[in-house]
Amino acid sequence: MAHVLARAGLCLGATTIRRMLREPGSAPDDEPEITRRRRRVVARYPGHTWHVDLTTVPTRAGFWVPWFPFALPQRWPFCWWVAVAIDQVSRACVGFAVFSKAPTSRDVQLFLDRAIRAGHSTPKYLVSDKGKQFWCRGYKSWCKRRGIRPRYGRIGEPAGIAIVERFIRSMKSECTRIVLAPLTLAGMRHELGLYAGWYNKHRPHMAHGGKTPDDLVRGNLRRRKRFEPRSRLPRRSRDELVTRAPVRLAVSYVERRRHLPVITLERAA
């Protein structure tokens, strides 16, 4: 929350926000603190190392219920299979794909080819688990033809693919568990596309000190006017743009999805 408000221009400390949330009528902050894990592959610049993984997203038709037959088949219409690729340095979602059933290694290779063409760059390393789509001769040959070095997370070692697993957790808790997953392939791609765009452009990351992936990759950090509610706090520099006028919080939403907010500050009338 502090990072989101700071991007809009309102600088408040985390302790101040925590105290405000504890006041009567405020929702408690029960989000667990994220623990940084040790990285196994050192990425030196955006696009140097990608992490890729697969997950299932249940639809409104089933798979999330514990009784037969809806709990058994892991395919459409009970769930979608989603492949995601995350850049290690920027944490940007560089690509995703939706499948009606468990994808083959060839399907994953075609998805990665599309992500490489869309990003106009080829990673040096691809980090994944040892699923059958990645731990096979076809996938390793595909990596060799493109000059990519495949790397695999160790069995029982969560730090190996922690970055992409963290994105999948965010995607499910902030998107697919809030809205009913569509039953059409185009609808599912549209929902995930909206989330990926919002995630890259508007969602701040603690690992980057409140910057978004787009801020880090494209250098969108411009000097913004800072709203300061504390009257006695001095300026940090002479060139700093600070206003002490009353402000109000303006919240808009990406295509009216209330789970994808865009926060801005406006001068109060």
Foldseek 3Di string as FASTA:
>chain_A
DQLLVVVQFEHDDPVVVQVVQPPPPHPHDPDDDDDDDDEPDDADAWQAEKEKEKDKFAFPVACVDDDPPRVPARFPPGIKMKMWMATPPLRATLFMAIHRHDDALVVVLVRVVVSCVVVVGHYQEYEYACDRSCVDPVNVVSCVVVNHHYHHDDVVHCNRRVSVVVVVVCCVVLFRVVDGQDRDRVSNVVRVVLVSVLQQQRAADVVVVSDHSCCRRVVPDDQDAHEYCDPPDDDPDPPHHYDPAAKDWDWDADVPDPSRIRIHIDGDD
